[in-house]
Amino acid sequence: MNIQQPIWRGGLVGLLSLTLACSPQEKQETVQEPEVLTDTNTPLHLLEPDYPVPYGHPEEKEVKEVLDRIYKYLDSTTPAAILSEEGGESLTDYSQVDEKSVLSQGDFRLLSYEWGVTYSAMLLAGEVTGDQKYTDYTKKRVKLIADLFTHFKELPSKDHALHSVLYPGALDDAGALCASFIKTQRSGVDADVRPVIDNFIDYIMNGQFRLEDGTLARNRPLKNTLWLDDLYMSVPAIVQMGKLTGEQKYFDEAVRQIKLFSDRMFNEEKGLYMHGWVQGMEEHPQFHWGRANGWAILTKVEVLNALPEDHPGRPMVLDLLRKHIRGLARLQSGSGFWHQLLDRNDSYLETSATAIYTYCIARAVNEGWVDDQAHAPMAILAWNAVSTKVNDKGQVEGTCVGTGMGFDPAFYYHRPINPYAAHGYGPVIAAGAEVIRMLKMHDFEINDSSVQLLDESAKD
């Protein structure tokens, strides 16, 4: 029989051509069944799983590469400049500003609470990595706002580019920015930042609506409503003011607000916070929204970072942090993310909350607040997940847009996600920075196929 040698084209087509051209005997000799992997010929426990996100501990340089990508995007899309008017010329003489002057527009607003988080995160990234560009990012923008403050204050009209800074009308306007400004002041900046800080802290301490017992509250969507978000929009600034001035009243108020909110909103059984609480309601909406729980745990970490070691409220805050971390640990998904509604696995996986938890758990490990063997691997897994959401441009994907308080699950389930949701950027930068710090402080290994913190005693 004349057998024509087929042209090998690879893949299934090539294999089929070869099979048809061979005799039955040659087919037997050519085509071999793949070896069946069994318990007797293969260590099955070493087979590589099909993980949905990278598994293993990253190198410091890999984490920093992600941070550099975000920095490059943000530095180019959040200019630090004031224009004479919309579309006008950049002003260098700030005494020339008037009601028509506007901040140069980019992808994000320099005066939003989300950017307060970003300013703080950039300072942390600079501190951990030693890369000055992160620190300078914050200092440049804080200096711009501080330098403009006195000039806009002299304008007769309140309707101008710095309205929310000079005349805050909600904790969102004041708290996160104030905390980041105090951190910047303490780190050293060529600007008089104190007038901005004092204006913000006066609003937080004296201007914001409160319940009769002093709990910081809102009158929306209903009267006398607590939003869990407001812990972060107030308390970090208050405790930072204590750090700046040394005045005990600020430390005491920060601890008091955590207790007032937690007594009403922390579910001891689940180790989670509800998103909203309304005075006068017998049953409160038990929606454990991811990012709001993020703001709550971030607040406790910020307070423990700044609170004196001997403050009588410190054990209470630390106990709440540990309970909250235990509650979150039970709900981390197999991909490393947490869900939009934490205890509802059919809600989507959300980036900003996951990033906040990554930072907070890594910080708790690094500070010795929680068991490192138990919690460091989950922080690494969470970072691996978050890192997959930073695209080639440096944008953070998978972040839920701004969200009010709801009374039905559909409201939370179907909130849009968007790379221009500013809430994702600061948390991801902070998470990466603290993970780098954790990698510097601890050694990891793959032990029996799983990521584990290297047992220091095993080195001896």
Protein backbone atom coordinates (compact mmCIF):
# COMPACT_ATOMS: atom_id res chain seq x y z
CA MET A 1 0.00 0.00 0.00
CA ASN A 2 1.35 3.34 -0.96
CA ILE A 3 1.18 5.55 2.12
CA GLN A 4 1.53 9.24 1.49
CA GLN A 5 3.28 10.99 4.34
CA PRO A 6 0.91 13.75 5.52
CA ILE A 7 2.10 17.31 6.05
CA TRP A 8 2.12 17.92 9.83
CA ARG A 9 0.03 20.94 10.74
CA GLY A 10 -0.11 20.40 14.49
CA GLY A 11 -3.10 20.21 16.82
CA LEU A 12 -6.20 18.09 16.24
CA VAL A 13 -6.15 18.48 12.41
CA GLY A 14 -2.59 17.20 12.13
CA LEU A 15 -3.25 14.29 14.47
CA LEU A 16 -6.36 13.30 12.49
CA SER A 17 -4.44 13.41 9.17
CA LEU A 18 -1.69 11.21 10.57
CA THR A 19 -4.15 8.73 12.00
CA LEU A 20 -6.08 8.31 8.71
CA ALA A 21 -2.90 7.81 6.70
CA CYS A 22 -1.52 4.99 8.85
CA SER A 23 -2.34 1.31 8.82
CA PRO A 24 -4.15 -0.17 11.83
CA GLN A 25 -0.88 -1.57 13.15
CA GLU A 26 0.93 1.73 12.64
CA LYS A 27 -1.95 3.52 14.33
CA GLN A 28 -1.43 1.38 17.41
CA GLU A 29 2.27 2.17 17.44
CA THR A 30 1.85 5.89 16.77
CA VAL A 31 -1.14 6.91 18.89
CA GLN A 32 -0.67 6.21 22.57
CA GLU A 33 -3.23 6.76 25.25
CA PRO A 34 -2.11 9.36 27.77
CA GLU A 35 -0.96 7.91 31.05
CA VAL A 36 -3.70 7.86 33.65
CA LEU A 37 -2.61 9.66 36.80
CA THR A 38 -3.45 7.50 39.78
CA ASP A 39 -2.73 7.50 43.45
CA THR A 40 0.06 4.95 42.92
CA ASN A 41 2.05 6.67 40.17
CA THR A 42 1.58 10.37 41.01
CA PRO A 43 1.58 12.52 44.19
CA LEU A 44 -1.91 13.86 43.43
CA HIS A 45 -1.79 16.42 46.23
CA LEU A 46 0.94 18.22 44.27
CA LEU A 47 -1.15 18.68 41.11
CA GLU A 48 -1.54 22.35 40.23
CA PRO A 49 -5.08 23.62 40.88
CA ASP A 50 -6.87 25.89 38.43
CA TYR A 51 -6.91 28.98 40.65
CA PRO A 52 -9.07 31.94 39.46
CA VAL A 53 -6.40 34.45 40.58
CA PRO A 54 -2.63 34.08 41.02
CA TYR A 55 -1.77 31.86 43.96
CA GLY A 56 1.37 32.21 46.00
CA HIS A 57 3.24 35.06 47.64
CA PRO A 58 4.30 37.88 45.28
CA GLU A 59 7.68 39.55 45.19
CA GLU A 60 7.94 43.10 46.49
CA LYS A 61 8.86 44.35 43.02
CA GLU A 62 5.69 42.77 41.57
CA VAL A 63 3.51 44.64 44.06
CA LYS A 64 5.33 47.90 43.44
CA GLU A 65 4.89 47.49 39.69
CA VAL A 66 1.13 47.54 40.26
CA LEU A 67 1.43 50.67 42.43
CA ASP A 68 3.61 52.37 39.84
CA ARG A 69 1.01 51.70 37.17
CA ILE A 70 -1.71 53.32 39.30
CA TYR A 71 0.55 56.25 40.17
CA LYS A 72 1.38 56.93 36.53
CA TYR A 73 -2.29 56.99 35.62
CA LEU A 74 -3.35 59.19 38.53
CA ASP A 75 -0.47 61.63 38.22
CA SER A 76 -1.37 62.25 34.59
CA THR A 77 -5.13 62.45 35.10
CA THR A 78 -5.39 64.52 38.31
CA PRO A 79 -3.50 67.75 37.54
CA ALA A 80 -2.62 70.09 40.39
CA ALA A 81 -3.45 73.49 38.93
CA ILE A 82 -5.98 76.33 39.14
CA LEU A 83 -7.32 77.95 35.96
CA SER A 84 -8.59 81.49 35.49
CA GLU A 85 -11.86 80.04 34.27
CA GLU A 86 -13.22 76.93 32.59
CA GLY A 87 -10.84 76.32 29.70
CA GLY A 88 -8.74 79.30 30.74
CA GLU A 89 -5.06 79.81 31.54
CA SER A 90 -3.24 78.30 34.50
CA LEU A 91 -2.76 80.79 37.34
CA THR A 92 0.53 81.00 39.21
CA ASP A 93 -0.36 84.18 41.10
CA TYR A 94 -3.11 82.88 43.37
CA SER A 95 -4.11 86.40 44.41
CA GLN A 96 -5.74 86.60 40.97
CA VAL A 97 -8.33 83.88 41.71
CA ASP A 98 -12.00 84.82 41.70
CA GLU A 99 -15.41 83.16 41.50
CA LYS A 100 -14.76 82.05 37.93
CA SER A 101 -11.51 80.26 38.76
CA VAL A 102 -11.67 76.46 38.62
CA LEU A 103 -9.40 73.58 39.49
CA SER A 104 -7.96 71.97 36.39
CA GLN A 105 -10.25 69.09 35.54
CA GLY A 106 -8.99 65.51 35.36
CA ASP A 107 -10.60 62.11 35.76
CA PHE A 108 -11.11 62.63 39.51
CA ARG A 109 -11.85 65.49 41.91
CA LEU A 110 -9.00 66.63 44.16
CA LEU A 111 -11.43 67.69 46.90
CA SER A 112 -13.51 64.52 47.28
CA TYR A 113 -13.38 62.26 50.33
CA GLU A 114 -12.15 59.47 48.06
CA TRP A 115 -9.12 61.60 47.27
CA GLY A 116 -8.52 62.14 50.97
CA VAL A 117 -8.11 58.35 51.14
CA THR A 118 -5.79 58.49 48.13
CA TYR A 119 -3.62 61.24 49.64
CA SER A 120 -3.14 59.18 52.81
CA ALA A 121 -2.39 56.05 50.78
CA MET A 122 0.22 57.84 48.66
CA LEU A 123 2.00 58.99 51.83
CA LEU A 124 2.03 55.40 53.08
CA ALA A 125 3.37 54.12 49.76
CA GLY A 126 6.17 56.67 49.87
CA GLU A 127 7.04 55.72 53.43
CA VAL A 128 7.09 51.96 52.77
CA THR A 129 8.83 51.94 49.39
CA GLY A 130 11.13 54.92 49.84
CA ASP A 131 9.97 56.19 46.46
CA GLN A 132 9.56 59.95 46.80
CA LYS A 133 7.16 60.30 43.88
CA TYR A 134 4.26 58.94 45.93
CA THR A 135 4.91 61.37 48.77
CA ASP A 136 5.30 64.26 46.36
CA TYR A 137 1.99 63.41 44.71
CA THR A 138 0.16 64.20 47.94
CA LYS A 139 2.32 67.12 49.03
CA LYS A 140 1.93 68.88 45.69
CA ARG A 141 -1.88 68.74 45.82
CA VAL A 142 -2.19 69.53 49.51
CA LYS A 143 0.09 72.53 49.02
CA LEU A 144 -2.06 73.75 46.13
CA ILE A 145 -5.23 73.60 48.22
CA ALA A 146 -3.59 75.14 51.28
CA ASP A 147 -2.07 77.98 49.24
CA LEU A 148 -5.43 78.71 47.60
CA PHE A 149 -7.39 78.58 50.87
CA THR A 150 -6.69 82.10 52.14
CA HIS A 151 -7.29 83.68 48.72
CA PHE A 152 -10.67 82.05 48.21
CA LYS A 153 -11.59 82.87 51.82
CA GLU A 154 -11.37 86.57 50.98
CA LEU A 155 -13.92 86.33 48.16
CA PRO A 156 -17.35 87.77 48.98
CA SER A 157 -19.14 84.90 47.26
CA LYS A 158 -19.22 81.37 48.68
CA ASP A 159 -19.85 79.89 45.24
CA HIS A 160 -16.36 79.04 44.05
CA ALA A 161 -13.91 76.20 43.47
CA LEU A 162 -13.06 75.68 47.16
CA HIS A 163 -16.62 75.96 48.47
CA SER A 164 -16.63 72.48 50.05
CA VAL A 165 -13.32 73.15 51.79
CA LEU A 166 -14.22 76.53 53.23
CA TYR A 167 -17.87 75.75 53.91
CA PRO A 168 -18.23 71.98 54.43
CA GLY A 169 -21.83 70.82 54.60
CA ALA A 170 -21.32 67.13 55.36
CA LEU A 171 -18.73 64.82 56.85
CA ASP A 172 -17.95 63.70 53.31
CA ASP A 173 -16.57 67.20 52.67
CA ALA A 174 -14.31 67.26 55.69
CA GLY A 175 -13.21 64.03 57.36
CA ALA A 176 -11.05 62.05 54.94
CA LEU A 177 -9.41 65.17 53.54
CA CYS A 178 -8.74 66.52 57.02
CA ALA A 179 -7.05 63.27 58.12
CA SER A 180 -4.82 63.28 55.04
CA PHE A 181 -3.96 66.97 55.48
CA ILE A 182 -2.90 66.37 59.08
CA LYS A 183 -0.71 63.46 57.99
CA THR A 184 0.81 65.68 55.31
CA GLN A 185 1.41 68.47 57.82
CA ARG A 186 3.14 66.03 60.16
CA SER A 187 5.30 64.65 57.35
CA GLY A 188 6.50 68.15 56.43
CA VAL A 189 5.21 70.25 53.57
CA ASP A 190 6.10 73.71 52.27
CA ALA A 191 2.68 75.21 52.94
CA ASP A 192 0.58 76.55 55.80
CA VAL A 193 -1.90 73.70 56.06
CA ARG A 194 -3.14 74.41 59.57
CA PRO A 195 -5.95 76.87 58.60
CA VAL A 196 -7.50 74.20 56.36
CA ILE A 197 -7.16 71.58 59.10
CA ASP A 198 -8.70 73.83 61.74
CA ASN A 199 -11.61 74.69 59.46
CA PHE A 200 -12.32 71.02 58.76
CA ILE A 201 -12.02 69.89 62.37
CA ASP A 202 -14.27 72.69 63.59
CA TYR A 203 -17.00 71.43 61.26
CA ILE A 204 -16.56 67.81 62.37
CA MET A 205 -16.56 68.62 66.07
CA ASN A 206 -19.10 71.45 66.11
CA GLY A 207 -20.98 71.71 62.83
CA GLN A 208 -22.16 68.20 61.94
CA PHE A 209 -25.61 67.05 63.04
CA ARG A 210 -25.62 64.64 66.00
CA LEU A 211 -28.09 62.56 67.97
CA GLU A 212 -28.82 63.62 71.54
CA ASP A 213 -26.05 61.40 72.90
CA GLY A 214 -23.51 62.98 70.56
CA THR A 215 -23.39 60.30 67.86
CA LEU A 216 -22.53 61.81 64.49
CA ALA A 217 -25.61 61.36 62.29
CA ARG A 218 -27.48 62.43 59.16
CA ASN A 219 -31.04 63.36 58.34
CA ARG A 220 -31.15 61.30 55.15
CA PRO A 221 -32.66 59.19 53.84
CA LEU A 222 -34.69 59.46 57.07
CA LYS A 223 -34.33 61.65 60.14
CA ASN A 224 -31.79 60.62 62.77
CA THR A 225 -29.97 58.10 60.61
CA LEU A 226 -26.52 56.63 61.20
CA TRP A 227 -24.41 55.71 58.19
CA LEU A 228 -21.56 53.36 58.95
CA ASP A 229 -19.53 55.26 56.33
CA ASP A 230 -19.48 58.27 58.66
CA LEU A 231 -17.11 56.54 61.07
CA TYR A 232 -14.38 56.97 58.50
CA MET A 233 -15.63 60.39 57.40
CA SER A 234 -14.95 61.73 60.91
CA VAL A 235 -13.00 59.60 63.37
CA PRO A 236 -9.62 59.32 61.58
CA ALA A 237 -9.50 63.12 61.35
CA ILE A 238 -10.39 63.43 65.04
CA VAL A 239 -7.73 60.97 66.19
CA GLN A 240 -5.14 62.56 63.88
CA MET A 241 -5.95 65.91 65.47
CA GLY A 242 -5.11 64.31 68.80
CA LYS A 243 -1.81 63.14 67.33
CA LEU A 244 -1.11 66.63 65.96
CA THR A 245 -1.99 68.59 69.10
CA GLY A 246 -1.59 66.06 71.90
CA GLU A 247 -5.00 67.06 73.26
CA GLN A 248 -6.74 64.21 75.09
CA LYS A 249 -10.22 65.34 74.06
CA TYR A 250 -9.65 64.25 70.47
CA PHE A 251 -8.49 60.75 71.44
CA ASP A 252 -11.47 60.40 73.78
CA GLU A 253 -13.94 61.55 71.12
CA ALA A 254 -12.55 59.14 68.52
CA VAL A 255 -12.97 56.18 70.87
CA ARG A 256 -16.42 57.37 71.96
CA GLN A 257 -17.72 57.54 68.38
CA ILE A 258 -16.51 54.00 67.67
CA LYS A 259 -18.36 52.76 70.74
CA LEU A 260 -21.55 54.71 69.95
CA PHE A 261 -21.69 53.37 66.39
CA SER A 262 -20.68 49.83 67.31
CA ASP A 263 -23.20 49.49 70.14
CA ARG A 264 -25.97 50.12 67.62
CA MET A 265 -24.59 48.64 64.40
CA PHE A 266 -22.16 45.77 65.11
CA ASN A 267 -23.67 42.31 64.80
CA GLU A 268 -21.75 40.27 67.38
CA GLU A 269 -22.96 36.95 66.00
CA LYS A 270 -21.77 37.64 62.45
CA GLY A 271 -18.82 39.87 63.28
CA LEU A 272 -20.14 42.42 60.76
CA TYR A 273 -21.69 45.88 60.77
CA MET A 274 -25.04 46.81 59.28
CA HIS A 275 -24.85 49.67 56.81
CA GLY A 276 -27.53 51.93 58.28
CA TRP A 277 -29.40 52.50 61.53
CA VAL A 278 -32.47 54.70 62.00
CA GLN A 279 -33.53 56.02 65.36
CA GLY A 280 -37.09 55.01 66.19
CA MET A 281 -37.16 51.87 64.03
CA GLU A 282 -37.72 48.62 65.89
CA GLU A 283 -36.02 46.53 63.23
CA HIS A 284 -33.03 47.90 61.36
CA PRO A 285 -32.03 46.93 57.82
CA GLN A 286 -29.40 44.18 58.16
CA PHE A 287 -27.51 44.77 54.95
CA HIS A 288 -23.82 44.12 55.50
CA TRP A 289 -22.46 46.19 52.65
CA GLY A 290 -18.83 45.51 51.81
CA ARG A 291 -17.38 49.00 51.49
CA ALA A 292 -19.19 50.36 54.54
CA ASN A 293 -17.67 47.53 56.58
CA GLY A 294 -14.42 48.59 54.96
CA TRP A 295 -14.77 52.13 56.25
CA ALA A 296 -15.53 50.77 59.72
CA ILE A 297 -12.53 48.46 59.93
CA LEU A 298 -10.27 51.11 58.38
CA THR A 299 -11.41 53.53 61.09
CA LYS A 300 -10.41 51.11 63.84
CA VAL A 301 -7.01 50.59 62.25
CA GLU A 302 -6.51 54.35 61.86
CA VAL A 303 -7.40 54.86 65.53
CA LEU A 304 -5.06 52.10 66.74
CA ASN A 305 -2.30 53.60 64.58
CA ALA A 306 -2.61 56.95 66.35
CA LEU A 307 -4.06 56.25 69.81
CA PRO A 308 -1.64 56.30 72.75
CA GLU A 309 -0.80 52.80 73.96
CA ASP A 310 -2.07 53.59 77.46
CA HIS A 311 -5.41 55.10 76.39
CA PRO A 312 -8.21 53.34 78.34
CA GLY A 313 -10.28 52.92 75.17
CA ARG A 314 -7.60 51.05 73.26
CA PRO A 315 -8.56 47.51 74.44
CA MET A 316 -12.17 48.06 73.32
CA VAL A 317 -11.12 49.20 69.85
CA LEU A 318 -8.66 46.32 69.52
CA ASP A 319 -11.29 43.79 70.60
CA LEU A 320 -13.73 45.13 67.99
CA LEU A 321 -11.03 44.96 65.32
CA ARG A 322 -10.31 41.31 66.09
CA LYS A 323 -14.00 40.39 66.07
CA HIS A 324 -14.49 42.19 62.78
CA ILE A 325 -11.52 40.45 61.16
CA ARG A 326 -12.82 37.06 62.34
CA GLY A 327 -16.20 37.86 60.81
CA LEU A 328 -14.59 38.85 57.52
CA ALA A 329 -12.27 35.84 57.47
CA ARG A 330 -15.28 33.52 57.40
CA LEU A 331 -16.61 35.21 54.28
CA GLN A 332 -13.60 35.63 52.00
CA SER A 333 -14.37 33.93 48.69
CA GLY A 334 -12.18 31.25 47.11
CA SER A 335 -10.98 33.86 44.62
CA GLY A 336 -9.69 36.11 47.40
CA PHE A 337 -12.36 38.79 46.95
CA TRP A 338 -15.23 39.65 49.25
CA HIS A 339 -18.80 40.13 48.04
CA GLN A 340 -20.73 43.37 47.62
CA LEU A 341 -23.08 42.17 50.35
CA LEU A 342 -20.65 40.27 52.51
CA ASP A 343 -22.89 37.41 53.59
CA ARG A 344 -24.72 36.98 50.27
CA ASN A 345 -22.57 34.92 47.94
CA ASP A 346 -24.75 35.60 44.92
CA SER A 347 -23.87 39.31 45.07
CA TYR A 348 -20.89 40.34 42.97
CA LEU A 349 -17.25 40.36 44.02
CA GLU A 350 -16.16 43.92 44.75
CA THR A 351 -12.71 45.49 44.52
CA SER A 352 -12.65 48.51 46.85
CA ALA A 353 -13.89 46.62 49.91
CA THR A 354 -11.47 43.79 49.22
CA ALA A 355 -8.61 46.29 48.97
CA ILE A 356 -9.56 47.93 52.28
CA TYR A 357 -9.65 44.55 54.02
CA THR A 358 -6.30 43.66 52.46
CA TYR A 359 -4.72 46.78 53.94
CA CYS A 360 -6.36 46.41 57.35
CA ILE A 361 -5.59 42.72 57.80
CA ALA A 362 -2.01 43.16 56.59
CA ARG A 363 -1.57 46.10 58.98
CA ALA A 364 -3.04 44.06 61.84
CA VAL A 365 -0.55 41.28 61.06
CA ASN A 366 2.38 43.68 60.83
CA GLU A 367 1.49 45.38 64.11
CA GLY A 368 0.94 42.11 65.97
CA TRP A 369 -2.73 42.81 66.61
CA VAL A 370 -3.85 39.44 65.22
CA ASP A 371 -2.31 36.01 64.80
CA ASP A 372 0.05 36.28 61.84
CA GLN A 373 0.04 32.58 60.89
CA ALA A 374 -3.76 32.61 60.62
CA HIS A 375 -4.22 35.92 58.83
CA ALA A 376 -1.19 36.72 56.67
CA PRO A 377 -2.07 34.16 53.95
CA MET A 378 -5.60 35.56 53.55
CA ALA A 379 -4.14 39.06 53.11
CA ILE A 380 -1.77 37.76 50.44
CA LEU A 381 -4.63 36.02 48.63
CA ALA A 382 -6.71 39.20 48.82
CA TRP A 383 -3.86 41.25 47.33
CA ASN A 384 -3.42 38.73 44.52
CA ALA A 385 -7.11 39.15 43.74
CA VAL A 386 -7.02 42.96 43.88
CA SER A 387 -3.94 43.12 41.64
CA THR A 388 -5.88 41.44 38.82
CA LYS A 389 -8.24 44.43 38.78
CA VAL A 390 -5.55 46.98 37.93
CA ASN A 391 -5.58 47.19 34.16
CA ASP A 392 -2.71 48.11 31.82
CA LYS A 393 -3.62 51.82 32.02
CA GLY A 394 -3.41 51.77 35.82
CA GLN A 395 -7.16 52.00 36.31
CA VAL A 396 -8.82 50.07 39.13
CA GLU A 397 -11.73 48.00 37.86
CA GLY A 398 -14.58 46.30 39.69
CA THR A 399 -15.35 49.13 42.13
CA CYS A 400 -18.90 49.87 43.20
CA VAL A 401 -19.94 53.48 42.55
CA GLY A 402 -21.05 55.79 45.36
CA THR A 403 -23.82 54.17 47.35
CA GLY A 404 -26.41 55.55 49.74
CA MET A 405 -28.34 53.59 52.33
CA GLY A 406 -30.98 51.14 51.10
CA PHE A 407 -33.78 49.08 52.57
CA ASP A 408 -33.93 46.28 50.01
CA PRO A 409 -31.28 43.90 48.60
CA ALA A 410 -31.75 44.88 44.95
CA PHE A 411 -30.39 48.34 45.72
CA TYR A 412 -27.03 46.84 46.74
CA TYR A 413 -26.96 43.92 44.32
CA HIS A 414 -27.23 46.07 41.24
CA ARG A 415 -25.11 49.10 42.06
CA PRO A 416 -22.93 49.73 38.97
CA ILE A 417 -19.18 49.21 38.91
CA ASN A 418 -16.92 51.65 37.11
CA PRO A 419 -13.16 52.33 36.74
CA TYR A 420 -13.92 56.00 37.40
CA ALA A 421 -15.41 55.18 40.81
CA ALA A 422 -12.78 56.99 42.84
CA HIS A 423 -13.32 54.79 45.91
CA GLY A 424 -11.01 52.07 44.59
CA TYR A 425 -7.74 53.94 44.15
CA GLY A 426 -6.69 54.90 47.66
CA PRO A 427 -7.55 51.47 49.10
CA VAL A 428 -5.60 49.61 46.41
CA ILE A 429 -2.53 51.83 46.91
CA ALA A 430 -2.72 51.38 50.69
CA ALA A 431 -3.20 47.63 50.32
CA GLY A 432 -0.18 47.27 48.07
CA ALA A 433 1.99 49.41 50.35
CA GLU A 434 1.09 47.42 53.45
CA VAL A 435 1.57 44.11 51.65
CA ILE A 436 5.06 45.27 50.66
CA ARG A 437 5.65 46.07 54.32
CA MET A 438 4.42 42.59 55.25
CA LEU A 439 6.73 40.98 52.70
CA LYS A 440 9.65 42.95 54.18
CA MET A 441 8.76 41.87 57.72
CA HIS A 442 7.80 38.23 57.14
CA ASP A 443 8.93 35.28 55.08
CA PHE A 444 6.44 33.14 53.20
CA GLU A 445 6.70 29.68 51.70
CA ILE A 446 4.64 27.15 49.81
CA ASN A 447 4.28 24.34 52.31
CA ASP A 448 2.32 21.27 51.25
CA SER A 449 0.98 23.32 48.31
CA SER A 450 -0.43 26.18 50.39
CA VAL A 451 0.83 29.68 51.15
CA GLN A 452 2.01 29.87 54.71
CA LEU A 453 3.95 32.24 56.88
CA LEU A 454 7.36 30.70 57.45
CA ASP A 455 7.63 29.44 61.01
CA GLU A 456 10.48 31.51 62.44
CA SER A 457 11.28 28.79 64.97
CA ALA A 458 11.86 26.35 62.10
CA LYS A 459 14.85 28.41 60.95
CA ASP A 460 16.83 27.54 64.10
